[in-house]
Amino acid sequence: MKPAVAVLSTGSVCFPLNRPILAFYHSKNQGGKLAVLGSCHMFSDQYLDKEENIKIMDVVFQWLTTGDIHLNQIDAEDPEISDYMMLPDTATLSERLRVCLQEGDENPRDFTTLFDLSIYQLDTTSLPKVIKAHEQLNVKHEPLQLIQPQFETPLPALQPAVSRCAYPYLAN
């Protein structure tokens, strides 16, 4: 944010989206420099080698200690960052509760009426019609038999190759 220049942002694959995490400020009147980083943990020992954080650290220290790095004014004036989305204050909203669901019906005194036992019953009312259909179609009425599965082998059977050993020192 003005007068600082956003140098590093989060990008589009992390949260928050396209938000600055590193900014540089250079006071032309007093000659001071300031680098503001979202979290200094990226320069700790456990994160220094990850995601090339050491390169970022080198650039920050080089910008702070020397005048070699000059920022591109076009990119500095119009950085690719999105507007910050404010989240609602959930603590305040939790104190002002509103009903959003209808209350459920009370449970009956006999809770067993809530169970649907018809799911686990075997209905044999159509069995006489099935037996008549066997007679009409001239099909034997007998229990089903197991059909043995035939598994296909993906590769042909192995045939070992037999050949004589060809060791040069055994030729003599």
Protein backbone atom coordinates (compact mmCIF):
# COMPACT_ATOMS: atom_id res chain seq x y z
CA MET A 1 0.00 0.00 0.00
CA LYS A 2 1.20 3.49 -0.74
CA PRO A 3 3.89 4.71 -0.16
CA ALA A 4 5.32 1.17 0.16
CA VAL A 5 5.79 -1.06 -2.88
CA ALA A 6 4.49 -4.65 -2.80
CA VAL A 7 7.35 -6.88 -3.91
CA LEU A 8 6.06 -10.39 -3.16
CA SER A 9 2.48 -11.64 -3.10
CA THR A 10 0.85 -14.98 -2.33
CA GLY A 11 -0.39 -15.78 -5.83
CA SER A 12 -3.55 -17.52 -6.93
CA VAL A 13 -2.95 -20.97 -5.42
CA CYS A 14 -2.92 -20.12 -1.72
CA PHE A 15 -5.01 -18.28 0.81
CA PRO A 16 -5.39 -15.31 0.91
CA LEU A 17 -5.38 -14.89 -2.87
CA ASN A 18 -3.00 -12.37 -4.44
CA ARG A 19 -2.23 -10.51 -1.24
CA PRO A 20 1.14 -8.83 -0.62
CA ILE A 21 3.42 -10.49 1.93
CA LEU A 22 6.60 -8.47 1.36
CA ALA A 23 6.80 -4.72 0.77
CA PHE A 24 9.67 -2.24 0.46
CA TYR A 25 9.63 1.41 1.51
CA HIS A 26 12.39 3.90 0.75
CA SER A 27 12.30 7.38 2.25
CA LYS A 28 13.90 9.73 -0.23
CA ASN A 29 13.95 12.64 2.26
CA GLN A 30 15.72 10.87 5.11
CA GLY A 31 17.37 8.07 3.11
CA GLY A 32 16.02 5.23 5.26
CA LYS A 33 14.80 1.86 3.98
CA LEU A 34 12.20 -0.45 5.45
CA ALA A 35 11.24 -4.00 4.44
CA VAL A 36 8.00 -5.40 5.85
CA LEU A 37 7.51 -9.17 5.70
CA GLY A 38 4.33 -11.05 6.54
CA SER A 39 6.14 -13.68 8.60
CA CYS A 40 9.79 -13.81 9.54
CA HIS A 41 9.46 -17.59 9.99
CA MET A 42 10.24 -18.01 6.30
CA PHE A 43 13.82 -17.02 7.17
CA SER A 44 14.10 -19.50 10.07
CA ASP A 45 16.36 -22.54 9.76
CA GLN A 46 13.60 -25.03 8.99
CA TYR A 47 12.13 -22.98 6.11
CA LEU A 48 15.24 -21.32 4.69
CA ASP A 49 16.00 -24.06 2.15
CA LYS A 50 12.35 -24.69 1.26
CA GLU A 51 10.71 -22.93 -1.70
CA GLU A 52 13.92 -20.97 -2.37
CA ASN A 53 13.39 -18.70 0.64
CA ILE A 54 17.14 -18.08 0.81
CA LYS A 55 16.93 -16.21 -2.51
CA ILE A 56 14.22 -13.97 -1.09
CA MET A 57 16.35 -13.35 1.98
CA ASP A 58 19.34 -12.42 -0.21
CA VAL A 59 17.24 -9.94 -2.21
CA VAL A 60 15.82 -8.33 0.95
CA PHE A 61 19.25 -7.94 2.56
CA GLN A 62 20.79 -6.69 -0.69
CA TRP A 63 18.02 -4.09 -1.07
CA LEU A 64 18.43 -2.96 2.55
CA THR A 65 22.23 -2.72 2.51
CA THR A 66 23.04 -1.52 -1.01
CA GLY A 67 21.55 0.68 -3.69
CA ASP A 68 22.00 -1.91 -6.44
CA ILE A 69 18.36 -2.98 -6.67
CA HIS A 70 15.97 -0.57 -8.39
CA LEU A 71 12.28 -1.44 -8.60
CA ASN A 72 10.41 -1.31 -11.89
CA GLN A 73 8.17 1.75 -11.53
CA ILE A 74 5.43 0.38 -13.80
CA ASP A 75 5.06 -2.79 -11.72
CA ALA A 76 5.48 -0.85 -8.48
CA GLU A 77 2.61 1.52 -9.27
CA ASP A 78 0.18 -1.18 -10.45
CA PRO A 79 0.89 -4.48 -8.63
CA GLU A 80 -1.20 -7.56 -9.41
CA ILE A 81 -2.94 -7.86 -6.07
CA SER A 82 -6.62 -8.31 -5.39
CA ASP A 83 -8.74 -6.39 -2.94
CA TYR A 84 -8.81 -7.70 0.58
CA MET A 85 -12.00 -9.56 1.45
CA MET A 86 -13.14 -8.82 4.97
CA LEU A 87 -14.48 -11.81 6.86
CA PRO A 88 -17.51 -11.32 9.08
CA ASP A 89 -16.94 -10.88 12.80
CA THR A 90 -18.01 -14.35 13.90
CA ALA A 91 -17.66 -13.56 17.60
CA THR A 92 -20.20 -10.74 17.37
CA LEU A 93 -22.50 -12.72 15.10
CA SER A 94 -22.49 -15.67 17.50
CA GLU A 95 -23.98 -13.45 20.20
CA ARG A 96 -26.95 -12.56 17.95
CA LEU A 97 -28.34 -16.00 17.12
CA ARG A 98 -31.30 -16.36 14.80
CA VAL A 99 -33.38 -19.43 14.14
CA CYS A 100 -32.81 -20.86 10.71
CA LEU A 101 -34.27 -24.37 11.05
CA GLN A 102 -37.72 -25.58 12.00
CA GLU A 103 -37.93 -27.54 15.23
CA GLY A 104 -38.33 -31.26 14.79
CA ASP A 105 -41.31 -33.29 15.95
CA GLU A 106 -41.17 -34.77 19.41
CA ASN A 107 -40.29 -38.44 19.69
CA PRO A 108 -43.20 -40.75 20.58
CA ARG A 109 -43.30 -42.48 23.96
CA ASP A 110 -42.83 -45.86 22.29
CA PHE A 111 -39.62 -45.32 20.33
CA THR A 112 -39.91 -48.73 18.64
CA THR A 113 -42.56 -47.28 16.34
CA LEU A 114 -39.78 -45.29 14.70
CA PHE A 115 -38.16 -48.45 13.34
CA ASP A 116 -39.16 -49.66 9.87
CA LEU A 117 -38.97 -53.45 10.13
CA SER A 118 -40.41 -54.01 6.66
CA ILE A 119 -36.93 -53.43 5.24
CA TYR A 120 -35.67 -56.69 6.71
CA GLN A 121 -38.63 -58.91 5.77
CA LEU A 122 -38.74 -61.50 3.01
CA ASP A 123 -41.83 -61.08 0.85
CA THR A 124 -43.04 -64.43 -0.50
CA THR A 125 -46.35 -63.26 -1.97
CA SER A 126 -45.11 -63.58 -5.54
CA LEU A 127 -43.65 -67.09 -5.05
CA PRO A 128 -46.76 -68.98 -6.34
CA LYS A 129 -46.72 -66.87 -9.53
CA VAL A 130 -43.05 -67.74 -10.07
CA ILE A 131 -43.72 -71.48 -9.65
CA LYS A 132 -46.62 -71.27 -12.16
CA ALA A 133 -44.31 -69.45 -14.58
CA HIS A 134 -41.87 -72.39 -14.36
CA GLU A 135 -44.67 -74.78 -15.41
CA GLN A 136 -45.86 -72.51 -18.25
CA LEU A 137 -42.33 -72.08 -19.63
CA ASN A 138 -41.44 -75.77 -19.19
CA VAL A 139 -38.47 -74.98 -16.98
CA LYS A 140 -37.43 -77.35 -14.21
CA HIS A 141 -38.06 -76.04 -10.72
CA GLU A 142 -34.73 -76.78 -9.03
CA PRO A 143 -32.22 -74.84 -6.93
CA LEU A 144 -29.58 -72.83 -8.74
CA GLN A 145 -26.22 -74.48 -9.28
CA LEU A 146 -22.81 -72.92 -9.02
CA ILE A 147 -21.20 -72.12 -12.36
CA GLN A 148 -17.46 -72.57 -12.14
CA PRO A 149 -15.67 -69.42 -13.27
CA GLN A 150 -13.03 -69.67 -15.99
CA PHE A 151 -10.34 -67.10 -15.42
CA GLU A 152 -8.36 -66.00 -18.43
CA THR A 153 -4.61 -66.00 -18.06
CA PRO A 154 -3.16 -62.74 -19.35
CA LEU A 155 0.17 -64.32 -20.37
CA PRO A 156 0.97 -67.64 -22.04
CA ALA A 157 2.57 -70.37 -19.99
CA LEU A 158 6.29 -69.95 -19.47
CA GLN A 159 8.70 -72.10 -21.45
CA PRO A 160 12.23 -72.03 -20.07
CA ALA A 161 14.95 -71.51 -22.68
CA VAL A 162 17.77 -74.04 -22.55
CA SER A 163 21.14 -73.20 -24.04
CA ARG A 164 24.75 -74.11 -23.37
CA CYS A 165 26.86 -71.86 -21.18
CA ALA A 166 29.34 -69.78 -23.16
CA TYR A 167 32.14 -68.95 -20.72
CA PRO A 168 35.37 -67.98 -22.51
CA TYR A 169 37.65 -69.47 -19.85
CA LEU A 170 35.98 -72.91 -20.15
CA ALA A 171 36.75 -73.19 -23.86
CA ASN A 172 40.21 -74.72 -23.18
